[in-house]
Amino acid sequence: MQDAFVRCRAYRKDHGLFAVVEPALGRIMLEIGAVGAVVVPAALGARVRETLRADGRPSPGPIITHPRSDRWTFLTGPTDNSYLDMTLFADLFRVCAALALPGSRIVLPSPADELTGYRDWIAPPLGDYRPDLAEVIAATRSCATPAAKGSAAG
């Protein structure tokens, strides 16, 4: 568990991710608000990552993988009121994606998670950079269209 505290301090100091360690399980928890999150199936996540890379950003991430559930979480800039948009909610729901709600918590990779393969970084944090929530949402929507699915190389 000590490793989780060390990692959590690094997330705070080096990446502006003001997480806390949940004492009972040693998980590193981050409250959604100053940092947003978009959760997508891994196959869609790969397309979103490529779209974000193509737009010339310093990084497409940070992106967390959850191999057992085959999902990716894109960490973004601050959350906004997008979660109130029912059209967006429906668009994301159709492709099994979701926005993390303000005040909810997500789990950041810990050393124990990485050793067990439970949770890891696809694209680790790069300083305190995070793409804008709106940019990740737009990339997710564009990659979720039938034309985008058909054009993705496997």
N, C-alpha and C. Protein backbone atom coordinates (compact mmCIF):
# COMPACT_ATOMS: atom_id res chain seq x y z
N MET A 1 0.83 -1.20 0.00
CA MET A 1 0.00 0.00 0.00
C MET A 1 0.87 1.26 0.00
N GLN A 2 2.07 1.16 0.57
CA GLN A 2 2.96 2.32 0.59
C GLN A 2 3.25 2.80 -0.84
N ASP A 3 3.37 1.83 -1.77
CA ASP A 3 3.61 2.19 -3.16
C ASP A 3 2.48 3.05 -3.72
N ALA A 4 1.25 2.78 -3.29
CA ALA A 4 0.10 3.57 -3.75
C ALA A 4 0.22 5.01 -3.28
N PHE A 5 0.69 5.22 -2.05
CA PHE A 5 0.87 6.59 -1.54
C PHE A 5 1.95 7.33 -2.33
N VAL A 6 3.04 6.62 -2.63
CA VAL A 6 4.12 7.22 -3.42
C VAL A 6 3.60 7.60 -4.80
N ARG A 7 2.88 6.69 -5.45
CA ARG A 7 2.33 6.97 -6.78
C ARG A 7 1.34 8.13 -6.71
N CYS A 8 0.48 8.14 -5.69
CA CYS A 8 -0.51 9.19 -5.55
C CYS A 8 0.17 10.57 -5.43
N ARG A 9 1.25 10.63 -4.64
CA ARG A 9 1.99 11.90 -4.50
C ARG A 9 2.55 12.33 -5.86
N ALA A 10 3.04 11.37 -6.63
CA ALA A 10 3.57 11.70 -7.97
C ALA A 10 2.45 12.22 -8.88
N TYR A 11 1.28 11.57 -8.82
CA TYR A 11 0.16 12.06 -9.62
C TYR A 11 -0.16 13.51 -9.27
N ARG A 12 -0.13 13.82 -8.00
CA ARG A 12 -0.44 15.18 -7.55
C ARG A 12 0.64 16.16 -7.99
N LYS A 13 1.88 15.85 -7.65
CA LYS A 13 3.00 16.77 -7.88
C LYS A 13 3.33 16.94 -9.36
N ASP A 14 3.40 15.82 -10.07
CA ASP A 14 3.89 15.86 -11.45
C ASP A 14 2.80 16.08 -12.49
N HIS A 15 1.54 15.74 -12.13
CA HIS A 15 0.50 15.74 -13.15
C HIS A 15 -0.77 16.51 -12.80
N GLY A 16 -0.80 17.14 -11.63
CA GLY A 16 -1.97 17.91 -11.24
C GLY A 16 -3.22 17.06 -11.07
N LEU A 17 -3.04 15.77 -10.80
CA LEU A 17 -4.16 14.86 -10.56
C LEU A 17 -4.30 14.70 -9.05
N PHE A 18 -5.21 15.46 -8.45
CA PHE A 18 -5.32 15.52 -7.00
C PHE A 18 -6.15 14.38 -6.46
N ALA A 19 -5.54 13.21 -6.52
CA ALA A 19 -6.17 11.96 -6.10
C ALA A 19 -5.88 11.71 -4.62
N VAL A 20 -6.58 10.71 -4.08
CA VAL A 20 -6.36 10.26 -2.71
C VAL A 20 -6.30 8.74 -2.72
N VAL A 21 -5.64 8.17 -1.73
CA VAL A 21 -5.57 6.72 -1.61
C VAL A 21 -6.71 6.28 -0.70
N GLU A 22 -7.51 5.36 -1.20
CA GLU A 22 -8.58 4.75 -0.41
C GLU A 22 -7.90 3.75 0.54
N PRO A 23 -7.94 4.01 1.84
CA PRO A 23 -7.15 3.19 2.77
C PRO A 23 -7.51 1.70 2.77
N ALA A 24 -8.77 1.36 2.66
CA ALA A 24 -9.18 -0.05 2.78
C ALA A 24 -8.58 -0.93 1.68
N LEU A 25 -8.55 -0.43 0.45
CA LEU A 25 -8.09 -1.26 -0.67
C LEU A 25 -6.81 -0.76 -1.33
N GLY A 26 -6.35 0.41 -0.96
CA GLY A 26 -5.14 0.95 -1.56
C GLY A 26 -5.34 1.48 -2.97
N ARG A 27 -6.59 1.73 -3.34
CA ARG A 27 -6.87 2.30 -4.67
C ARG A 27 -6.58 3.79 -4.66
N ILE A 28 -6.17 4.29 -5.81
CA ILE A 28 -5.91 5.72 -5.97
C ILE A 28 -7.14 6.32 -6.65
N MET A 29 -7.89 7.10 -5.90
CA MET A 29 -9.18 7.63 -6.36
C MET A 29 -9.05 9.10 -6.76
N LEU A 30 -9.69 9.45 -7.88
CA LEU A 30 -9.70 10.82 -8.38
C LEU A 30 -11.15 11.26 -8.55
N GLU A 31 -11.50 12.37 -7.91
CA GLU A 31 -12.86 12.89 -8.04
C GLU A 31 -12.98 13.68 -9.34
N ILE A 32 -14.07 13.44 -10.05
CA ILE A 32 -14.34 14.12 -11.31
C ILE A 32 -14.83 15.54 -11.02
N GLY A 33 -14.29 16.48 -11.74
CA GLY A 33 -14.63 17.89 -11.59
C GLY A 33 -13.56 18.72 -12.29
N ALA A 34 -12.44 18.94 -11.59
CA ALA A 34 -11.32 19.64 -12.21
C ALA A 34 -10.72 18.81 -13.33
N VAL A 35 -10.94 17.50 -13.26
CA VAL A 35 -10.55 16.57 -14.32
C VAL A 35 -11.82 15.85 -14.74
N GLY A 36 -12.05 15.77 -16.05
CA GLY A 36 -13.19 15.04 -16.58
C GLY A 36 -12.74 13.68 -17.08
N ALA A 37 -13.71 12.84 -17.44
CA ALA A 37 -13.37 11.51 -17.96
C ALA A 37 -14.46 11.03 -18.91
N VAL A 38 -14.01 10.40 -19.99
CA VAL A 38 -14.90 9.77 -20.96
C VAL A 38 -14.48 8.30 -21.00
N VAL A 39 -15.44 7.40 -20.77
CA VAL A 39 -15.18 5.96 -20.73
C VAL A 39 -15.79 5.34 -21.97
N VAL A 40 -14.98 4.55 -22.69
CA VAL A 40 -15.42 3.97 -23.96
C VAL A 40 -14.94 2.52 -24.08
N PRO A 41 -15.59 1.72 -24.92
CA PRO A 41 -15.04 0.39 -25.23
C PRO A 41 -13.65 0.55 -25.86
N ALA A 42 -12.79 -0.42 -25.62
CA ALA A 42 -11.39 -0.32 -26.07
C ALA A 42 -11.26 -0.12 -27.59
N ALA A 43 -12.07 -0.81 -28.37
CA ALA A 43 -11.96 -0.67 -29.83
C ALA A 43 -12.28 0.76 -30.27
N LEU A 44 -13.32 1.34 -29.68
CA LEU A 44 -13.65 2.74 -29.98
C LEU A 44 -12.55 3.65 -29.43
N GLY A 45 -12.02 3.32 -28.27
CA GLY A 45 -10.95 4.11 -27.67
C GLY A 45 -9.73 4.20 -28.57
N ALA A 46 -9.39 3.09 -29.23
CA ALA A 46 -8.23 3.09 -30.14
C ALA A 46 -8.46 4.07 -31.28
N ARG A 47 -9.68 4.12 -31.81
CA ARG A 47 -9.99 5.07 -32.89
C ARG A 47 -9.96 6.51 -32.38
N VAL A 48 -10.49 6.73 -31.18
CA VAL A 48 -10.48 8.07 -30.59
C VAL A 48 -9.03 8.53 -30.37
N ARG A 49 -8.20 7.63 -29.85
CA ARG A 49 -6.78 7.97 -29.63
C ARG A 49 -6.12 8.40 -30.93
N GLU A 50 -6.36 7.65 -32.02
CA GLU A 50 -5.75 8.00 -33.30
C GLU A 50 -6.26 9.35 -33.81
N THR A 51 -7.54 9.62 -33.62
CA THR A 51 -8.11 10.91 -34.02
C THR A 51 -7.45 12.05 -33.24
N LEU A 52 -7.30 11.87 -31.94
CA LEU A 52 -6.66 12.91 -31.13
C LEU A 52 -5.19 13.08 -31.50
N ARG A 53 -4.51 12.00 -31.82
CA ARG A 53 -3.10 12.10 -32.27
C ARG A 53 -3.00 12.89 -33.57
N ALA A 54 -3.93 12.63 -34.48
CA ALA A 54 -3.90 13.26 -35.80
C ALA A 54 -4.14 14.76 -35.72
N ASP A 55 -4.76 15.22 -34.65
CA ASP A 55 -5.06 16.64 -34.51
C ASP A 55 -3.88 17.44 -33.95
N GLY A 56 -2.72 16.82 -33.80
CA GLY A 56 -1.50 17.54 -33.43
C GLY A 56 -1.38 17.90 -31.96
N ARG A 57 -2.08 17.22 -31.09
CA ARG A 57 -1.96 17.48 -29.65
C ARG A 57 -0.63 16.93 -29.14
N PRO A 58 -0.16 17.44 -28.00
CA PRO A 58 1.09 16.90 -27.45
C PRO A 58 0.95 15.43 -27.05
N SER A 59 -0.27 15.01 -26.75
CA SER A 59 -0.53 13.63 -26.35
C SER A 59 -2.02 13.36 -26.54
N PRO A 60 -2.41 12.13 -26.83
CA PRO A 60 -3.83 11.82 -26.92
C PRO A 60 -4.43 11.55 -25.54
N GLY A 61 -3.61 11.56 -24.53
CA GLY A 61 -4.04 11.12 -23.21
C GLY A 61 -3.98 12.19 -22.17
N PRO A 62 -4.05 11.77 -20.96
CA PRO A 62 -3.86 10.44 -20.42
C PRO A 62 -5.05 9.50 -20.68
N ILE A 63 -4.70 8.23 -20.90
CA ILE A 63 -5.71 7.21 -21.18
C ILE A 63 -5.41 5.99 -20.31
N ILE A 64 -6.43 5.53 -19.60
CA ILE A 64 -6.32 4.36 -18.74
C ILE A 64 -7.00 3.18 -19.44
N THR A 65 -6.37 2.01 -19.37
CA THR A 65 -7.00 0.79 -19.88
C THR A 65 -7.47 -0.07 -18.71
N HIS A 66 -8.60 -0.70 -18.93
CA HIS A 66 -9.18 -1.66 -17.99
C HIS A 66 -9.33 -2.98 -18.78
N PRO A 67 -8.26 -3.76 -18.90
CA PRO A 67 -8.27 -4.93 -19.78
C PRO A 67 -9.39 -5.93 -19.50
N ARG A 68 -9.73 -6.15 -18.25
CA ARG A 68 -10.75 -7.16 -17.94
C ARG A 68 -12.13 -6.75 -18.43
N SER A 69 -12.41 -5.46 -18.44
CA SER A 69 -13.72 -5.00 -18.94
C SER A 69 -13.61 -4.50 -20.38
N ASP A 70 -12.39 -4.50 -20.94
CA ASP A 70 -12.15 -4.08 -22.31
C ASP A 70 -12.63 -2.64 -22.55
N ARG A 71 -12.26 -1.75 -21.61
CA ARG A 71 -12.67 -0.35 -21.68
C ARG A 71 -11.46 0.56 -21.47
N TRP A 72 -11.57 1.76 -22.02
CA TRP A 72 -10.55 2.80 -21.82
C TRP A 72 -11.22 4.01 -21.21
N THR A 73 -10.47 4.73 -20.38
CA THR A 73 -10.92 5.99 -19.80
C THR A 73 -9.98 7.09 -20.25
N PHE A 74 -10.53 8.09 -20.94
CA PHE A 74 -9.77 9.27 -21.35
C PHE A 74 -9.93 10.33 -20.27
N LEU A 75 -8.82 10.77 -19.67
CA LEU A 75 -8.88 11.88 -18.73
C LEU A 75 -8.82 13.17 -19.53
N THR A 76 -9.63 14.13 -19.14
CA THR A 76 -9.74 15.38 -19.89
C THR A 76 -9.56 16.58 -18.97
N GLY A 77 -9.63 17.74 -19.59
CA GLY A 77 -9.70 18.97 -18.82
C GLY A 77 -10.99 18.97 -18.01
N PRO A 78 -11.26 20.06 -17.33
CA PRO A 78 -12.41 20.10 -16.41
C PRO A 78 -13.73 19.68 -17.04
N THR A 79 -14.55 19.06 -16.21
CA THR A 79 -15.88 18.68 -16.64
C THR A 79 -16.73 19.95 -16.81
N ASP A 80 -17.81 19.80 -17.53
CA ASP A 80 -18.74 20.92 -17.73
C ASP A 80 -20.16 20.37 -17.62
N ASN A 81 -21.11 21.05 -18.19
CA ASN A 81 -22.50 20.59 -18.11
C ASN A 81 -22.89 19.66 -19.25
N SER A 82 -21.92 19.12 -19.97
CA SER A 82 -22.21 18.20 -21.08
C SER A 82 -23.06 17.02 -20.64
N TYR A 83 -22.88 16.57 -19.42
CA TYR A 83 -23.61 15.41 -18.94
C TYR A 83 -25.12 15.66 -18.88
N LEU A 84 -25.54 16.92 -18.99
CA LEU A 84 -26.97 17.26 -18.99
C LEU A 84 -27.58 17.18 -20.39
N ASP A 85 -26.75 17.05 -21.42
CA ASP A 85 -27.20 17.01 -22.81
C ASP A 85 -27.73 15.61 -23.12
N MET A 86 -29.03 15.49 -23.25
CA MET A 86 -29.65 14.17 -23.46
C MET A 86 -29.31 13.58 -24.83
N THR A 87 -29.09 14.42 -25.84
CA THR A 87 -28.68 13.91 -27.15
C THR A 87 -27.28 13.29 -27.04
N LEU A 88 -26.39 13.98 -26.35
CA LEU A 88 -25.04 13.43 -26.14
C LEU A 88 -25.12 12.14 -25.34
N PHE A 89 -25.91 12.14 -24.28
CA PHE A 89 -26.08 10.93 -23.47
C PHE A 89 -26.52 9.76 -24.34
N ALA A 90 -27.50 10.00 -25.20
CA ALA A 90 -28.01 8.94 -26.08
C ALA A 90 -26.94 8.49 -27.08
N ASP A 91 -26.21 9.45 -27.66
CA ASP A 91 -25.14 9.10 -28.61
C ASP A 91 -24.09 8.21 -27.95
N LEU A 92 -23.70 8.57 -26.74
CA LEU A 92 -22.69 7.79 -26.03
C LEU A 92 -23.24 6.43 -25.60
N PHE A 93 -24.47 6.43 -25.13
CA PHE A 93 -25.11 5.19 -24.67
C PHE A 93 -25.17 4.17 -25.79
N ARG A 94 -25.47 4.62 -27.01
CA ARG A 94 -25.58 3.72 -28.17
C ARG A 94 -24.27 2.99 -28.45
N VAL A 95 -23.15 3.59 -28.09
CA VAL A 95 -21.85 2.95 -28.36
C VAL A 95 -21.19 2.48 -27.06
N CYS A 96 -22.00 2.33 -26.01
CA CYS A 96 -21.52 1.83 -24.71
C CYS A 96 -20.44 2.72 -24.10
N ALA A 97 -20.56 4.02 -24.32
CA ALA A 97 -19.63 5.00 -23.75
C ALA A 97 -20.37 5.86 -22.74
N ALA A 98 -19.62 6.61 -21.94
CA ALA A 98 -20.25 7.45 -20.93
C ALA A 98 -19.30 8.54 -20.48
N LEU A 99 -19.90 9.62 -19.98
CA LEU A 99 -19.14 10.67 -19.30
C LEU A 99 -19.18 10.37 -17.81
N ALA A 100 -18.06 10.55 -17.14
CA ALA A 100 -18.07 10.43 -15.68
C ALA A 100 -18.72 11.70 -15.13
N LEU A 101 -19.62 11.52 -14.20
CA LEU A 101 -20.38 12.65 -13.65
C LEU A 101 -19.55 13.43 -12.63
N PRO A 102 -19.73 14.75 -12.60
CA PRO A 102 -19.04 15.55 -11.58
C PRO A 102 -19.35 15.00 -10.19
N GLY A 103 -18.31 14.89 -9.37
CA GLY A 103 -18.46 14.37 -8.02
C GLY A 103 -18.27 12.87 -7.93
N SER A 104 -18.35 12.16 -9.06
CA SER A 104 -18.08 10.72 -9.04
C SER A 104 -16.57 10.52 -8.95
N ARG A 105 -16.16 9.31 -8.73
CA ARG A 105 -14.74 9.01 -8.62
C ARG A 105 -14.34 7.94 -9.62
N ILE A 106 -13.12 8.09 -10.12
CA ILE A 106 -12.52 7.05 -10.96
C ILE A 106 -11.25 6.59 -10.27
N VAL A 107 -10.77 5.43 -10.68
CA VAL A 107 -9.56 4.87 -10.08
C VAL A 107 -8.40 5.03 -11.06
N LEU A 108 -7.31 5.60 -10.56
CA LEU A 108 -6.10 5.74 -11.37
C LEU A 108 -5.22 4.49 -11.16
N PRO A 109 -4.40 4.16 -12.15
CA PRO A 109 -3.54 2.98 -12.00
C PRO A 109 -2.58 3.11 -10.81
N SER A 110 -2.50 2.05 -10.06
CA SER A 110 -1.55 1.95 -8.95
C SER A 110 -0.52 0.89 -9.33
N PRO A 111 0.59 0.84 -8.59
CA PRO A 111 1.57 -0.22 -8.88
C PRO A 111 0.96 -1.61 -8.79
N ALA A 112 0.09 -1.85 -7.81
CA ALA A 112 -0.54 -3.17 -7.68
C ALA A 112 -1.44 -3.47 -8.88
N ASP A 113 -2.19 -2.48 -9.37
CA ASP A 113 -3.04 -2.67 -10.54
C ASP A 113 -2.21 -3.06 -11.76
N GLU A 114 -1.09 -2.38 -11.93
CA GLU A 114 -0.25 -2.64 -13.09
C GLU A 114 0.36 -4.04 -13.04
N LEU A 115 0.74 -4.48 -11.85
CA LEU A 115 1.31 -5.82 -11.70
C LEU A 115 0.29 -6.91 -12.01
N THR A 116 -0.96 -6.68 -11.65
CA THR A 116 -1.99 -7.69 -11.87
C THR A 116 -2.65 -7.57 -13.25
N GLY A 117 -2.34 -6.49 -13.97
CA GLY A 117 -2.97 -6.28 -15.27
C GLY A 117 -4.40 -5.79 -15.16
N TYR A 118 -4.78 -5.32 -14.00
CA TYR A 118 -6.16 -4.88 -13.78
C TYR A 118 -6.43 -3.49 -14.36
N ARG A 119 -5.44 -2.62 -14.27
CA ARG A 119 -5.60 -1.24 -14.73
C ARG A 119 -4.20 -0.71 -15.04
N ASP A 120 -4.06 -0.02 -16.18
CA ASP A 120 -2.74 0.49 -16.58
C ASP A 120 -2.94 1.70 -17.49
N TRP A 121 -1.84 2.31 -17.84
CA TRP A 121 -1.88 3.46 -18.75
C TRP A 121 -1.69 3.01 -20.19
N ILE A 122 -2.59 3.44 -21.09
CA ILE A 122 -2.38 3.33 -22.53
C ILE A 122 -1.47 4.49 -22.95
N ALA A 123 -1.80 5.67 -22.45
CA ALA A 123 -1.00 6.88 -22.66
C ALA A 123 -0.87 7.53 -21.29
N PRO A 124 0.31 7.45 -20.67
CA PRO A 124 0.48 8.02 -19.33
C PRO A 124 0.36 9.54 -19.35
N PRO A 125 0.12 10.14 -18.20
CA PRO A 125 0.04 11.60 -18.14
C PRO A 125 1.35 12.22 -18.63
N LEU A 126 1.23 13.34 -19.30
CA LEU A 126 2.37 14.11 -19.78
C LEU A 126 2.29 15.46 -19.07
N GLY A 127 3.04 15.61 -18.00
CA GLY A 127 2.92 16.82 -17.18
C GLY A 127 1.47 16.93 -16.71
N ASP A 128 0.92 18.14 -16.80
CA ASP A 128 -0.48 18.31 -16.40
C ASP A 128 -1.39 18.46 -17.62
N TYR A 129 -0.89 18.04 -18.80
CA TYR A 129 -1.69 18.15 -20.02
C TYR A 129 -2.84 17.14 -20.01
N ARG A 130 -4.02 17.63 -20.38
CA ARG A 130 -5.20 16.81 -20.65
C ARG A 130 -5.96 17.47 -21.77
N PRO A 131 -6.43 16.71 -22.75
CA PRO A 131 -7.22 17.32 -23.83
C PRO A 131 -8.53 17.86 -23.26
N ASP A 132 -9.09 18.83 -23.95
CA ASP A 132 -10.37 19.40 -23.53
C ASP A 132 -11.45 18.33 -23.60
N LEU A 133 -12.37 18.39 -22.65
CA LEU A 133 -13.49 17.45 -22.64
C LEU A 133 -14.25 17.50 -23.96
N ALA A 134 -14.51 18.70 -24.47
CA ALA A 134 -15.27 18.85 -25.72
C ALA A 134 -14.54 18.17 -26.89
N GLU A 135 -13.20 18.23 -26.90
CA GLU A 135 -12.44 17.60 -27.98
C GLU A 135 -12.55 16.07 -27.92
N VAL A 136 -12.50 15.52 -26.73
CA VAL A 136 -12.61 14.06 -26.59
C VAL A 136 -14.03 13.61 -26.93
N ILE A 137 -15.03 14.39 -26.52
CA ILE A 137 -16.41 14.07 -26.87
C ILE A 137 -16.59 14.11 -28.39
N ALA A 138 -16.09 15.15 -29.04
CA ALA A 138 -16.22 15.27 -30.50
C ALA A 138 -15.52 14.12 -31.21
N ALA A 139 -14.33 13.75 -30.74
CA ALA A 139 -13.61 12.63 -31.35
C ALA A 139 -14.36 11.32 -31.14
N THR A 140 -14.94 11.15 -29.96
CA THR A 140 -15.71 9.93 -29.68
C THR A 140 -16.92 9.85 -30.59
N ARG A 141 -17.63 10.95 -30.72
CA ARG A 141 -18.81 10.95 -31.60
C ARG A 141 -18.42 10.68 -33.04
N SER A 142 -17.36 11.31 -33.52
CA SER A 142 -16.98 11.11 -34.93
C SER A 142 -16.49 9.69 -35.18
N CYS A 143 -15.80 9.10 -34.21
CA CYS A 143 -15.29 7.74 -34.37
C CYS A 143 -16.38 6.69 -34.21
N ALA A 144 -17.49 7.06 -33.62
CA ALA A 144 -18.58 6.12 -33.38
C ALA A 144 -19.55 6.02 -34.56
N THR A 145 -19.38 6.88 -35.56
CA THR A 145 -20.28 6.83 -36.71
C THR A 145 -20.02 5.58 -37.51
N PRO A 146 -21.03 5.04 -38.20
CA PRO A 146 -20.84 3.82 -39.00
C PRO A 146 -19.71 3.96 -40.03
N ALA A 147 -19.56 5.14 -40.63
CA ALA A 147 -18.49 5.33 -41.64
C ALA A 147 -17.13 5.20 -40.99
N ALA A 148 -16.98 5.76 -39.77
CA ALA A 148 -15.69 5.68 -39.08
C ALA A 148 -15.37 4.24 -38.70
N LYS A 149 -16.37 3.48 -38.28
CA LYS A 149 -16.15 2.08 -37.90
C LYS A 149 -15.71 1.27 -39.11
N GLY A 150 -16.34 1.51 -40.25
CA GLY A 150 -16.01 0.77 -41.45
C GLY A 150 -14.65 1.11 -42.01
N SER A 151 -14.16 2.33 -41.75
CA SER A 151 -12.88 2.74 -42.32
C SER A 151 -11.70 2.42 -41.42
N ALA A 152 -11.96 1.97 -40.19
CA ALA A 152 -10.86 1.68 -39.27
C ALA A 152 -10.14 0.41 -39.71
N ALA A 153 -8.83 0.52 -39.76
CA ALA A 153 -8.03 -0.66 -40.11
C ALA A 153 -7.87 -1.53 -38.88
N GLY A 154 -7.99 -2.84 -39.03
CA GLY A 154 -7.93 -3.74 -37.89
C GLY A 154 -6.58 -4.15 -37.67
